[in-house]
């Protein structure tokens, strides 16, 4: 039976919908704003999180009113939410529509599982495992290895996902390689019209490919200049931004060995589950990706990692790793196998 078939017919009763806004400073020098979506019904509460990046979009949601009350199956609720305009004032980016839909669907899935007195691992017939994680960080301006070494002084077992920039010198890359702790490098060349997006830089690609020979290379851009550089490392190429469902995986330049799974990019639970099954059938390795979640969604992406790709370099570290300054006393990798209620890590 398909994964989605295990949850699509869950009964779902919704009486009210509320919002809780969260804000927090981050290690990437911006104030993160997210909205926790709270659905209540039949004496149970379901929670999800809208991880849309634009703060104004989040503040507008706090004032929105959608009549979601009623009796559904989970699949019927998914169809209803996909037909609603969840951005009455229009999103600042089209992909945010998926982010918000996922926020509502994840809350509804949590509520439906709780109303059925079950949880996601039980519903899917899977057992949570301890979760290996890496921490994602930028290296400052000008970039240096200092932030990495400060974290390693606190926790020598920590590993990293890093965002190379054209300012990364050969010496810096060599210093990072010496740590033997860089698992993923995110070139961010698939982000369009965003502050973090980068154009394809053949020299940077070559330095990263050769200087960090065991690191997964995420979201490069293929151009006439970069294609021969990337072809020599094809088994290390991974994709994040383009991955929104099975069709997007099949549309990649080649069948990948690796993909970054960020649930909010898929919009619907069905699209996520269908893609997980597609990747399993085709031997595509997966790792989880984070989006500076501030509340319930961080535990949800850790839970999904524990069920589907626990031993990968998952960018799902506890929230404290996203704070502006390195902090002692945080959990080390791997995280313990989660205890679960509904669709939540408890």
C-alpha atoms as a PDB file:
ATOM      1  CA  UNK A   1       0.000   0.000   0.000  1.00  0.00           C
ATOM      2  CA  UNK A   2       1.259   3.498  -0.851  1.00  0.00           C
ATOM      3  CA  UNK A   3       2.346   5.682   2.052  1.00  0.00           C
ATOM      4  CA  UNK A   4      -0.363   8.246   1.411  1.00  0.00           C
ATOM      5  CA  UNK A   5      -3.040   5.536   1.463  1.00  0.00           C
ATOM      6  CA  UNK A   6      -2.183   4.959   5.121  1.00  0.00           C
ATOM      7  CA  UNK A   7      -3.327   8.455   6.125  1.00  0.00           C
ATOM      8  CA  UNK A   8      -5.632   9.823   3.427  1.00  0.00           C
ATOM      9  CA  UNK A   9      -8.822   8.358   4.890  1.00  0.00           C
ATOM     10  CA  UNK A  10      -8.197   9.437   8.489  1.00  0.00           C
ATOM     11  CA  UNK A  11     -11.317  11.244   9.802  1.00  0.00           C
ATOM     12  CA  UNK A  12     -10.716  14.882  10.645  1.00  0.00           C
ATOM     13  CA  UNK A  13     -12.957  17.182  12.653  1.00  0.00           C
ATOM     14  CA  UNK A  14     -12.052  20.895  12.772  1.00  0.00           C
ATOM     15  CA  UNK A  15     -13.783  23.446  14.967  1.00  0.00           C
ATOM     16  CA  UNK A  16     -11.338  26.374  15.109  1.00  0.00           C
ATOM     17  CA  UNK A  17      -8.183  27.686  13.458  1.00  0.00           C
ATOM     18  CA  UNK A  18      -5.765  30.015  15.260  1.00  0.00           C
ATOM     19  CA  UNK A  19      -2.289  31.443  14.646  1.00  0.00           C
ATOM     20  CA  UNK A  20       0.752  32.000  16.847  1.00  0.00           C
ATOM     21  CA  UNK A  21       3.557  34.207  15.509  1.00  0.00           C
ATOM     22  CA  UNK A  22       7.188  33.427  16.397  1.00  0.00           C
ATOM     23  CA  UNK A  23      10.303  35.580  15.904  1.00  0.00           C
ATOM     24  CA  UNK A  24      13.989  34.869  16.518  1.00  0.00           C
ATOM     25  CA  UNK A  25      17.387  36.198  15.460  1.00  0.00           C
ATOM     26  CA  UNK A  26      19.490  33.759  13.436  1.00  0.00           C
ATOM     27  CA  UNK A  27      23.095  32.971  12.624  1.00  0.00           C
ATOM     28  CA  UNK A  28      22.438  34.165   9.053  1.00  0.00           C
ATOM     29  CA  UNK A  29      21.948  37.775  10.173  1.00  0.00           C
ATOM     30  CA  UNK A  30      18.197  38.068   9.730  1.00  0.00           C
ATOM     31  CA  UNK A  31      15.160  37.988  11.971  1.00  0.00           C
ATOM     32  CA  UNK A  32      13.162  34.841  11.287  1.00  0.00           C
ATOM     33  CA  UNK A  33       9.384  35.076  11.517  1.00  0.00           C
ATOM     34  CA  UNK A  34       7.131  32.016  11.264  1.00  0.00           C
ATOM     35  CA  UNK A  35       3.516  31.260  12.105  1.00  0.00           C
ATOM     36  CA  UNK A  36       2.309  28.247  14.036  1.00  0.00           C
ATOM     37  CA  UNK A  37      -1.038  27.067  12.696  1.00  0.00           C
ATOM     38  CA  UNK A  38      -3.268  25.642  15.424  1.00  0.00           C
ATOM     39  CA  UNK A  39      -6.298  23.526  14.486  1.00  0.00           C
ATOM     40  CA  UNK A  40      -8.668  22.317  17.199  1.00  0.00           C
ATOM     41  CA  UNK A  41     -11.483  19.808  17.175  1.00  0.00           C
ATOM     42  CA  UNK A  42     -12.931  16.882  19.157  1.00  0.00           C
ATOM     43  CA  UNK A  43     -10.904  17.919  22.226  1.00  0.00           C
ATOM     44  CA  UNK A  44      -7.604  17.578  20.358  1.00  0.00           C
ATOM     45  CA  UNK A  45      -5.134  20.125  18.949  1.00  0.00           C
ATOM     46  CA  UNK A  46      -3.083  19.820  15.768  1.00  0.00           C
ATOM     47  CA  UNK A  47      -0.099  22.036  15.031  1.00  0.00           C
ATOM     48  CA  UNK A  48       1.892  22.915  11.927  1.00  0.00           C
ATOM     49  CA  UNK A  49       4.172  25.790  10.940  1.00  0.00           C
ATOM     50  CA  UNK A  50       4.199  28.145   7.970  1.00  0.00           C
ATOM     51  CA  UNK A  51       7.879  28.739   7.139  1.00  0.00           C
ATOM     52  CA  UNK A  52       7.285  31.413   4.498  1.00  0.00           C
ATOM     53  CA  UNK A  53      10.347  33.665   4.652  1.00  0.00           C
ATOM     54  CA  UNK A  54       8.779  37.099   4.120  1.00  0.00           C
ATOM     55  CA  UNK A  55       7.887  38.671   7.466  1.00  0.00           C
ATOM     56  CA  UNK A  56       5.082  40.782   5.989  1.00  0.00           C
ATOM     57  CA  UNK A  57       3.465  37.635   4.585  1.00  0.00           C
ATOM     58  CA  UNK A  58       3.588  36.143   8.068  1.00  0.00           C
ATOM     59  CA  UNK A  59       2.101  39.201   9.767  1.00  0.00           C
ATOM     60  CA  UNK A  60      -0.715  39.217   7.188  1.00  0.00           C
ATOM     61  CA  UNK A  61      -1.544  35.605   8.024  1.00  0.00           C
ATOM     62  CA  UNK A  62      -2.027  36.533  11.673  1.00  0.00           C
ATOM     63  CA  UNK A  63      -5.011  38.655  10.596  1.00  0.00           C
ATOM     64  CA  UNK A  64      -6.437  36.200   8.058  1.00  0.00           C
ATOM     65  CA  UNK A  65      -9.659  34.280   8.615  1.00  0.00           C
ATOM     66  CA  UNK A  66     -10.371  31.006   6.824  1.00  0.00           C
ATOM     67  CA  UNK A  67     -13.454  28.965   7.630  1.00  0.00           C
ATOM     68  CA  UNK A  68     -12.008  25.481   7.899  1.00  0.00           C
ATOM     69  CA  UNK A  69     -14.604  24.102  10.296  1.00  0.00           C
ATOM     70  CA  UNK A  70     -16.219  20.871   9.301  1.00  0.00           C
ATOM     71  CA  UNK A  71     -15.909  17.100   9.010  1.00  0.00           C
ATOM     72  CA  UNK A  72     -13.443  15.686   6.487  1.00  0.00           C
ATOM     73  CA  UNK A  73     -11.185  12.856   5.623  1.00  0.00           C
ATOM     74  CA  UNK A  74      -7.585  14.032   5.608  1.00  0.00           C
ATOM     75  CA  UNK A  75      -7.572  13.789   1.808  1.00  0.00           C
ATOM     76  CA  UNK A  76     -10.727  15.927   1.565  1.00  0.00           C
ATOM     77  CA  UNK A  77      -9.111  18.578   3.753  1.00  0.00           C
ATOM     78  CA  UNK A  78      -5.999  18.523   1.548  1.00  0.00           C
ATOM     79  CA  UNK A  79      -8.172  19.114  -1.516  1.00  0.00           C
ATOM     80  CA  UNK A  80      -9.977  21.973   0.218  1.00  0.00           C
ATOM     81  CA  UNK A  81      -6.794  23.702   1.334  1.00  0.00           C
ATOM     82  CA  UNK A  82      -5.213  23.373  -2.109  1.00  0.00           C
ATOM     83  CA  UNK A  83      -8.197  25.222  -3.611  1.00  0.00           C
ATOM     84  CA  UNK A  84      -8.079  28.096  -1.097  1.00  0.00           C
ATOM     85  CA  UNK A  85      -6.142  31.299  -1.684  1.00  0.00           C
ATOM     86  CA  UNK A  86      -4.095  31.258   1.498  1.00  0.00           C
ATOM     87  CA  UNK A  87      -2.492  34.619   0.615  1.00  0.00           C
ATOM     88  CA  UNK A  88      -5.373  37.120   0.432  1.00  0.00           C
ATOM     89  CA  UNK A  89      -2.861  39.896  -0.322  1.00  0.00           C
ATOM     90  CA  UNK A  90      -0.733  37.737  -2.628  1.00  0.00           C
ATOM     91  CA  UNK A  91       2.560  36.036  -1.697  1.00  0.00           C
ATOM     92  CA  UNK A  92       5.865  37.810  -2.224  1.00  0.00           C
ATOM     93  CA  UNK A  93       7.130  34.619  -3.912  1.00  0.00           C
ATOM     94  CA  UNK A  94       5.103  31.943  -5.695  1.00  0.00           C
ATOM     95  CA  UNK A  95       6.843  29.062  -3.903  1.00  0.00           C
ATOM     96  CA  UNK A  96       5.505  30.400  -0.614  1.00  0.00           C
ATOM     97  CA  UNK A  97       2.112  29.004  -1.610  1.00  0.00           C
ATOM     98  CA  UNK A  98       3.536  25.510  -1.070  1.00  0.00           C
ATOM     99  CA  UNK A  99       5.113  26.553   2.237  1.00  0.00           C
ATOM    100  CA  UNK A 100       1.802  27.781   3.592  1.00  0.00           C
ATOM    101  CA  UNK A 101      -0.163  24.807   2.280  1.00  0.00           C
ATOM    102  CA  UNK A 102       2.288  22.512   4.058  1.00  0.00           C
ATOM    103  CA  UNK A 103       1.777  24.467   7.277  1.00  0.00           C
ATOM    104  CA  UNK A 104      -1.966  23.801   7.169  1.00  0.00           C
ATOM    105  CA  UNK A 105      -1.639  20.193   5.985  1.00  0.00           C
ATOM    106  CA  UNK A 106       0.928  19.291   8.634  1.00  0.00           C
ATOM    107  CA  UNK A 107      -1.346  20.750  11.322  1.00  0.00           C
ATOM    108  CA  UNK A 108      -4.295  18.794   9.933  1.00  0.00           C
ATOM    109  CA  UNK A 109      -2.276  15.574   9.795  1.00  0.00           C
ATOM    110  CA  UNK A 110      -1.228  16.078  13.409  1.00  0.00           C
ATOM    111  CA  UNK A 111      -4.851  16.648  14.414  1.00  0.00           C
ATOM    112  CA  UNK A 112      -6.219  13.702  12.423  1.00  0.00           C
ATOM    113  CA  UNK A 113      -3.658  11.307  13.906  1.00  0.00           C
ATOM    114  CA  UNK A 114      -4.437  12.512  17.429  1.00  0.00           C
ATOM    115  CA  UNK A 115      -8.169  12.202  16.883  1.00  0.00           C
ATOM    116  CA  UNK A 116      -7.550   8.629  15.730  1.00  0.00           C
ATOM    117  CA  UNK A 117      -5.455   8.023  18.860  1.00  0.00           C
ATOM    118  CA  UNK A 118      -2.387   7.141  16.805  1.00  0.00           C
ATOM    119  CA  UNK A 119       0.842   8.654  15.514  1.00  0.00           C
ATOM    120  CA  UNK A 120       2.684   8.892  12.210  1.00  0.00           C
ATOM    121  CA  UNK A 121       5.175   6.023  12.733  1.00  0.00           C
ATOM    122  CA  UNK A 122       2.341   3.686  13.725  1.00  0.00           C
ATOM    123  CA  UNK A 123       0.155   4.782  10.808  1.00  0.00           C
ATOM    124  CA  UNK A 124       2.998   4.210   8.322  1.00  0.00           C
ATOM    125  CA  UNK A 125       4.268   1.019   9.962  1.00  0.00           C
ATOM    126  CA  UNK A 126       7.758   2.462  10.470  1.00  0.00           C
ATOM    127  CA  UNK A 127      10.020   2.725  13.520  1.00  0.00           C
ATOM    128  CA  UNK A 128      11.845   5.977  14.387  1.00  0.00           C
ATOM    129  CA  UNK A 129      15.647   5.772  14.501  1.00  0.00           C
ATOM    130  CA  UNK A 130      18.290   8.089  15.967  1.00  0.00           C
ATOM    131  CA  UNK A 131      18.920  11.018  13.610  1.00  0.00           C
ATOM    132  CA  UNK A 132      22.344  12.097  12.414  1.00  0.00           C
ATOM    133  CA  UNK A 133      22.480  15.851  11.865  1.00  0.00           C
ATOM    134  CA  UNK A 134      24.813  18.550  10.607  1.00  0.00           C
ATOM    135  CA  UNK A 135      24.676  22.235  11.385  1.00  0.00           C
ATOM    136  CA  UNK A 136      24.267  24.793   8.624  1.00  0.00           C
ATOM    137  CA  UNK A 137      26.114  28.087   8.908  1.00  0.00           C
ATOM    138  CA  UNK A 138      27.669  30.898   6.931  1.00  0.00           C
ATOM    139  CA  UNK A 139      31.290  31.882   7.455  1.00  0.00           C
ATOM    140  CA  UNK A 140      31.077  35.665   7.780  1.00  0.00           C
ATOM    141  CA  UNK A 141      32.231  38.581   5.662  1.00  0.00           C
ATOM    142  CA  UNK A 142      35.057  38.203   4.889  1.00  0.00           C
ATOM    143  CA  UNK A 143      34.652  34.442   5.245  1.00  0.00           C
ATOM    144  CA  UNK A 144      36.888  32.508   7.602  1.00  0.00           C
ATOM    145  CA  UNK A 145      36.949  29.109   9.297  1.00  0.00           C
ATOM    146  CA  UNK A 146      36.579  30.749  12.728  1.00  0.00           C
ATOM    147  CA  UNK A 147      32.899  29.912  13.174  1.00  0.00           C
ATOM    148  CA  UNK A 148      33.536  26.261  12.319  1.00  0.00           C
ATOM    149  CA  UNK A 149      36.478  25.986  14.696  1.00  0.00           C
ATOM    150  CA  UNK A 150      34.546  27.702  17.514  1.00  0.00           C
ATOM    151  CA  UNK A 151      31.760  25.138  17.165  1.00  0.00           C
ATOM    152  CA  UNK A 152      34.276  22.281  17.037  1.00  0.00           C
ATOM    153  CA  UNK A 153      35.864  23.546  20.238  1.00  0.00           C
ATOM    154  CA  UNK A 154      32.449  23.089  21.857  1.00  0.00           C
ATOM    155  CA  UNK A 155      31.578  19.785  20.155  1.00  0.00           C
ATOM    156  CA  UNK A 156      34.397  18.027  18.257  1.00  0.00           C
ATOM    157  CA  UNK A 157      31.923  15.524  16.781  1.00  0.00           C
ATOM    158  CA  UNK A 158      29.877  18.185  14.975  1.00  0.00           C
ATOM    159  CA  UNK A 159      29.707  18.170  11.169  1.00  0.00           C
ATOM    160  CA  UNK A 160      28.644  20.959   8.818  1.00  0.00           C
ATOM    161  CA  UNK A 161      26.663  22.080   5.815  1.00  0.00           C
ATOM    162  CA  UNK A 162      28.260  25.263   4.465  1.00  0.00           C
ATOM    163  CA  UNK A 163      27.398  27.864   1.809  1.00  0.00           C
ATOM    164  CA  UNK A 164      30.455  28.626  -0.359  1.00  0.00           C
ATOM    165  CA  UNK A 165      30.756  32.105  -1.860  1.00  0.00           C
ATOM    166  CA  UNK A 166      33.148  33.463  -4.505  1.00  0.00           C
ATOM    167  CA  UNK A 167      35.221  34.922  -1.651  1.00  0.00           C
ATOM    168  CA  UNK A 168      36.140  31.422  -0.471  1.00  0.00           C
ATOM    169  CA  UNK A 169      39.873  31.159  -1.128  1.00  0.00           C
ATOM    170  CA  UNK A 170      41.867  27.992  -1.695  1.00  0.00           C
ATOM    171  CA  UNK A 171      43.423  28.499   1.728  1.00  0.00           C
ATOM    172  CA  UNK A 172      40.037  28.717   3.430  1.00  0.00           C
ATOM    173  CA  UNK A 173      38.829  25.586   1.649  1.00  0.00           C
ATOM    174  CA  UNK A 174      42.024  23.811   2.698  1.00  0.00           C
ATOM    175  CA  UNK A 175      41.450  24.817   6.324  1.00  0.00           C
ATOM    176  CA  UNK A 176      37.884  23.499   6.151  1.00  0.00           C
ATOM    177  CA  UNK A 177      39.070  20.269   4.540  1.00  0.00           C
ATOM    178  CA  UNK A 178      41.554  19.777   7.360  1.00  0.00           C
ATOM    179  CA  UNK A 179      38.671  19.572   9.843  1.00  0.00           C
ATOM    180  CA  UNK A 180      37.227  16.592   7.927  1.00  0.00           C
ATOM    181  CA  UNK A 181      33.818  17.826   9.064  1.00  0.00           C
ATOM    182  CA  UNK A 182      32.238  19.343   5.926  1.00  0.00           C
ATOM    183  CA  UNK A 183      29.493  17.046   4.669  1.00  0.00           C
ATOM    184  CA  UNK A 184      27.546  19.326   2.296  1.00  0.00           C
ATOM    185  CA  UNK A 185      28.363  22.498   0.364  1.00  0.00           C
ATOM    186  CA  UNK A 186      25.349  24.445  -0.898  1.00  0.00           C
ATOM    187  CA  UNK A 187      26.169  26.530  -3.973  1.00  0.00           C
ATOM    188  CA  UNK A 188      22.691  28.161  -3.946  1.00  0.00           C
ATOM    189  CA  UNK A 189      22.685  28.594  -7.707  1.00  0.00           C
ATOM    190  CA  UNK A 190      19.078  27.377  -8.026  1.00  0.00           C
ATOM    191  CA  UNK A 191      17.680  30.260  -5.972  1.00  0.00           C
ATOM    192  CA  UNK A 192      16.285  32.899  -8.332  1.00  0.00           C
ATOM    193  CA  UNK A 193      15.389  36.439  -7.316  1.00  0.00           C
ATOM    194  CA  UNK A 194      16.374  35.896  -3.701  1.00  0.00           C
ATOM    195  CA  UNK A 195      19.010  37.495  -1.508  1.00  0.00           C
ATOM    196  CA  UNK A 196      20.875  34.235  -1.006  1.00  0.00           C
ATOM    197  CA  UNK A 197      20.973  33.182  -4.674  1.00  0.00           C
ATOM    198  CA  UNK A 198      24.332  32.985  -6.435  1.00  0.00           C
ATOM    199  CA  UNK A 199      25.252  32.876 -10.092  1.00  0.00           C
ATOM    200  CA  UNK A 200      27.319  30.001 -11.424  1.00  0.00           C
ATOM    201  CA  UNK A 201      31.006  30.624 -10.755  1.00  0.00           C
ATOM    202  CA  UNK A 202      33.231  28.056 -12.515  1.00  0.00           C
ATOM    203  CA  UNK A 203      36.298  28.877 -10.442  1.00  0.00           C
ATOM    204  CA  UNK A 204      34.410  28.544  -7.156  1.00  0.00           C
ATOM    205  CA  UNK A 205      32.857  25.288  -8.343  1.00  0.00           C
ATOM    206  CA  UNK A 206      36.286  23.905  -9.206  1.00  0.00           C
ATOM    207  CA  UNK A 207      37.840  24.975  -5.886  1.00  0.00           C
ATOM    208  CA  UNK A 208      35.003  23.414  -3.932  1.00  0.00           C
ATOM    209  CA  UNK A 209      34.918  20.220  -5.994  1.00  0.00           C
ATOM    210  CA  UNK A 210      38.645  19.604  -5.645  1.00  0.00           C
ATOM    211  CA  UNK A 211      39.218  21.034  -2.175  1.00  0.00           C
ATOM    212  CA  UNK A 212      36.338  19.184  -0.465  1.00  0.00           C
ATOM    213  CA  UNK A 213      36.372  15.905  -2.390  1.00  0.00           C
ATOM    214  CA  UNK A 214      33.956  14.012  -0.117  1.00  0.00           C
ATOM    215  CA  UNK A 215      31.317  16.735   0.331  1.00  0.00           C
ATOM    216  CA  UNK A 216      27.903  16.574  -1.320  1.00  0.00           C
ATOM    217  CA  UNK A 217      27.538  19.494  -3.769  1.00  0.00           C
ATOM    218  CA  UNK A 218      24.052  20.982  -3.562  1.00  0.00           C
ATOM    219  CA  UNK A 219      22.167  23.131  -6.089  1.00  0.00           C
ATOM    220  CA  UNK A 220      24.783  23.979  -8.692  1.00  0.00           C
ATOM    221  CA  UNK A 221      23.834  25.580 -12.005  1.00  0.00           C
ATOM    222  CA  UNK A 222      24.802  23.857 -15.223  1.00  0.00           C
ATOM    223  CA  UNK A 223      26.311  26.193 -17.804  1.00  0.00           C
ATOM    224  CA  UNK A 224      28.771  25.629 -20.657  1.00  0.00           C
ATOM    225  CA  UNK A 225      31.550  26.563 -18.234  1.00  0.00           C
ATOM    226  CA  UNK A 226      30.401  24.585 -15.183  1.00  0.00           C
ATOM    227  CA  UNK A 227      29.147  21.411 -16.856  1.00  0.00           C
ATOM    228  CA  UNK A 228      32.572  19.742 -17.310  1.00  0.00           C
ATOM    229  CA  UNK A 229      33.495  20.654 -13.726  1.00  0.00           C
ATOM    230  CA  UNK A 230      30.301  19.149 -12.356  1.00  0.00           C
ATOM    231  CA  UNK A 231      30.317  16.065 -14.591  1.00  0.00           C
ATOM    232  CA  UNK A 232      33.482  14.907 -12.865  1.00  0.00           C
ATOM    233  CA  UNK A 233      31.606  14.882  -9.527  1.00  0.00           C
ATOM    234  CA  UNK A 234      28.157  13.773 -10.701  1.00  0.00           C
ATOM    235  CA  UNK A 235      27.745  11.178  -7.942  1.00  0.00           C
ATOM    236  CA  UNK A 236      28.073  14.000  -5.375  1.00  0.00           C
ATOM    237  CA  UNK A 237      25.544  16.398  -6.934  1.00  0.00           C
ATOM    238  CA  UNK A 238      22.361  17.024  -4.954  1.00  0.00           C
ATOM    239  CA  UNK A 239      19.277  19.149  -5.488  1.00  0.00           C
ATOM    240  CA  UNK A 240      17.120  21.141  -3.101  1.00  0.00           C
ATOM    241  CA  UNK A 241      15.274  24.140  -4.521  1.00  0.00           C
ATOM    242  CA  UNK A 242      13.904  22.399  -7.657  1.00  0.00           C
ATOM    243  CA  UNK A 243      12.478  19.443  -5.699  1.00  0.00           C
ATOM    244  CA  UNK A 244       8.739  19.873  -5.246  1.00  0.00           C
ATOM    245  CA  UNK A 245       7.418  16.440  -6.262  1.00  0.00           C
ATOM    246  CA  UNK A 246       8.041  13.367  -8.385  1.00  0.00           C
ATOM    247  CA  UNK A 247       7.809  15.294 -11.656  1.00  0.00           C
ATOM    248  CA  UNK A 248      10.538  17.679 -10.528  1.00  0.00           C
ATOM    249  CA  UNK A 249      12.837  14.743  -9.713  1.00  0.00           C
ATOM    250  CA  UNK A 250      12.242  13.225 -13.130  1.00  0.00           C
ATOM    251  CA  UNK A 251      12.974  16.617 -14.752  1.00  0.00           C
ATOM    252  CA  UNK A 252      16.522  16.902 -13.369  1.00  0.00           C
ATOM    253  CA  UNK A 253      19.453  16.838 -15.824  1.00  0.00           C
ATOM    254  CA  UNK A 254      20.250  13.275 -14.698  1.00  0.00           C
ATOM    255  CA  UNK A 255      19.004  10.808 -12.112  1.00  0.00           C
ATOM    256  CA  UNK A 256      20.689  11.994  -8.927  1.00  0.00           C
ATOM    257  CA  UNK A 257      22.387  10.000  -6.212  1.00  0.00           C
ATOM    258  CA  UNK A 258      21.280  12.549  -3.580  1.00  0.00           C
ATOM    259  CA  UNK A 259      18.349  14.852  -2.862  1.00  0.00           C
ATOM    260  CA  UNK A 260      17.597  17.323  -0.066  1.00  0.00           C
ATOM    261  CA  UNK A 261      14.052  16.871   1.227  1.00  0.00           C
ATOM    262  CA  UNK A 262      12.361  19.973   2.632  1.00  0.00           C
ATOM    263  CA  UNK A 263       8.720  19.029   3.287  1.00  0.00           C
ATOM    264  CA  UNK A 264       7.343  22.557   2.865  1.00  0.00           C
ATOM    265  CA  UNK A 265       8.550  22.668  -0.756  1.00  0.00           C
ATOM    266  CA  UNK A 266       6.087  19.887  -1.599  1.00  0.00           C
ATOM    267  CA  UNK A 267       2.976  21.662  -0.359  1.00  0.00           C
ATOM    268  CA  UNK A 268       0.956  18.523   0.196  1.00  0.00           C
ATOM    269  CA  UNK A 269       1.554  15.418   2.255  1.00  0.00           C
ATOM    270  CA  UNK A 270       0.687  13.336  -0.800  1.00  0.00           C
ATOM    271  CA  UNK A 271       3.366  14.961  -2.940  1.00  0.00           C
ATOM    272  CA  UNK A 272       5.963  14.430  -0.212  1.00  0.00           C
ATOM    273  CA  UNK A 273       5.046  10.792   0.385  1.00  0.00           C
ATOM    274  CA  UNK A 274       4.901  10.010  -3.351  1.00  0.00           C
ATOM    275  CA  UNK A 275       8.389  11.489  -3.770  1.00  0.00           C
ATOM    276  CA  UNK A 276       9.798   9.530  -0.832  1.00  0.00           C
ATOM    277  CA  UNK A 277       8.508   6.323  -2.405  1.00  0.00           C
ATOM    278  CA  UNK A 278       9.841   7.279  -5.852  1.00  0.00           C
ATOM    279  CA  UNK A 279      13.301   7.866  -4.408  1.00  0.00           C
ATOM    280  CA  UNK A 280      13.225   4.589  -2.496  1.00  0.00           C
ATOM    281  CA  UNK A 281      12.330   2.660  -5.660  1.00  0.00           C
ATOM    282  CA  UNK A 282      15.105   4.332  -7.631  1.00  0.00           C
ATOM    283  CA  UNK A 283      17.868   4.135  -5.041  1.00  0.00           C
ATOM    284  CA  UNK A 284      18.124   7.911  -4.545  1.00  0.00           C
ATOM    285  CA  UNK A 285      19.667   8.789  -1.182  1.00  0.00           C
ATOM    286  CA  UNK A 286      17.939  11.490   0.841  1.00  0.00           C
ATOM    287  CA  UNK A 287      18.769  13.907   3.626  1.00  0.00           C
ATOM    288  CA  UNK A 288      16.514  16.377   5.407  1.00  0.00           C
ATOM    289  CA  UNK A 289      16.745  20.124   5.045  1.00  0.00           C
ATOM    290  CA  UNK A 290      15.811  22.862   7.496  1.00  0.00           C
ATOM    291  CA  UNK A 291      14.414  26.353   6.992  1.00  0.00           C
ATOM    292  CA  UNK A 292      15.028  28.046  10.335  1.00  0.00           C
ATOM    293  CA  UNK A 293      11.847  26.589  11.789  1.00  0.00           C
ATOM    294  CA  UNK A 294      11.004  28.245  15.093  1.00  0.00           C
ATOM    295  CA  UNK A 295       8.351  25.976  16.556  1.00  0.00           C
ATOM    296  CA  UNK A 296       6.643  22.687  15.815  1.00  0.00           C
ATOM    297  CA  UNK A 297       8.031  22.135  12.310  1.00  0.00           C
ATOM    298  CA  UNK A 298      11.599  21.550  13.503  1.00  0.00           C
ATOM    299  CA  UNK A 299      10.491  18.474  15.390  1.00  0.00           C
ATOM    300  CA  UNK A 300       8.369  17.378  12.425  1.00  0.00           C
ATOM    301  CA  UNK A 301      11.296  17.423   9.995  1.00  0.00           C
ATOM    302  CA  UNK A 302      13.406  15.565  12.581  1.00  0.00           C
ATOM    303  CA  UNK A 303      10.631  12.984  12.844  1.00  0.00           C
ATOM    304  CA  UNK A 304      10.499  12.510   9.066  1.00  0.00           C
ATOM    305  CA  UNK A 305      14.276  12.117   9.009  1.00  0.00           C
ATOM    306  CA  UNK A 306      14.058   9.482  11.746  1.00  0.00           C
ATOM    307  CA  UNK A 307      11.575   7.494   9.649  1.00  0.00           C
ATOM    308  CA  UNK A 308      13.091   7.774   6.174  1.00  0.00           C
ATOM    309  CA  UNK A 309      16.767   8.898   6.157  1.00  0.00           C
ATOM    310  CA  UNK A 310      18.133   8.785   9.723  1.00  0.00           C
ATOM    311  CA  UNK A 311      21.792   8.120   8.886  1.00  0.00           C
ATOM    312  CA  UNK A 312      22.206  10.892   6.290  1.00  0.00           C
ATOM    313  CA  UNK A 313      23.797  14.325   6.892  1.00  0.00           C
ATOM    314  CA  UNK A 314      20.477  15.877   7.855  1.00  0.00           C
ATOM    315  CA  UNK A 315      20.274  19.659   8.136  1.00  0.00           C
ATOM    316  CA  UNK A 316      17.791  19.328  10.998  1.00  0.00           C
ATOM    317  CA  UNK A 317      19.921  20.322  13.987  1.00  0.00           C
ATOM    318  CA  UNK A 318      18.128  21.529  17.140  1.00  0.00           C
ATOM    319  CA  UNK A 319      17.119  25.197  16.952  1.00  0.00           C
ATOM    320  CA  UNK A 320      19.959  26.374  19.192  1.00  0.00           C
ATOM    321  CA  UNK A 321      22.406  25.703  16.380  1.00  0.00           C
ATOM    322  CA  UNK A 322      20.787  28.545  14.416  1.00  0.00           C
ATOM    323  CA  UNK A 323      21.457  31.131  17.114  1.00  0.00           C
ATOM    324  CA  UNK A 324      23.824  34.001  16.232  1.00  0.00           C
ATOM    325  CA  UNK A 325      26.601  32.778  18.552  1.00  0.00           C
ATOM    326  CA  UNK A 326      27.860  29.248  19.301  1.00  0.00           C
ATOM    327  CA  UNK A 327      26.292  27.877  22.456  1.00  0.00           C
ATOM    328  CA  UNK A 328      27.401  25.142  24.827  1.00  0.00           C
ATOM    329  CA  UNK A 329      25.128  22.426  26.131  1.00  0.00           C
ATOM    330  CA  UNK A 330      23.244  21.621  22.924  1.00  0.00           C
ATOM    331  CA  UNK A 331      22.462  18.002  21.976  1.00  0.00           C
ATOM    332  CA  UNK A 332      25.120  16.222  19.951  1.00  0.00           C
ATOM    333  CA  UNK A 333      24.492  14.146  16.850  1.00  0.00           C
ATOM    334  CA  UNK A 334      22.808  11.732  16.603  1.00  0.00           C
ATOM    335  CA  UNK A 335      19.569  12.813  18.227  1.00  0.00           C
ATOM    336  CA  UNK A 336      17.810  10.088  20.172  1.00  0.00           C
ATOM    337  CA  UNK A 337      15.035   8.287  18.354  1.00  0.00           C
ATOM    338  CA  UNK A 338      11.991  10.475  18.976  1.00  0.00           C
ATOM    339  CA  UNK A 339       8.962   9.654  21.017  1.00  0.00           C
ATOM    340  CA  UNK A 340       5.964  10.682  18.968  1.00  0.00           C
ATOM    341  CA  UNK A 341       2.404  11.865  19.424  1.00  0.00           C
ATOM    342  CA  UNK A 342       0.386  12.568  16.299  1.00  0.00           C
ATOM    343  CA  UNK A 343       2.740  14.223  13.813  1.00  0.00           C
ATOM    344  CA  UNK A 344       5.050  15.653  16.456  1.00  0.00           C
ATOM    345  CA  UNK A 345       8.319  14.862  18.097  1.00  0.00           C
ATOM    346  CA  UNK A 346       7.560  15.053  21.815  1.00  0.00           C
END
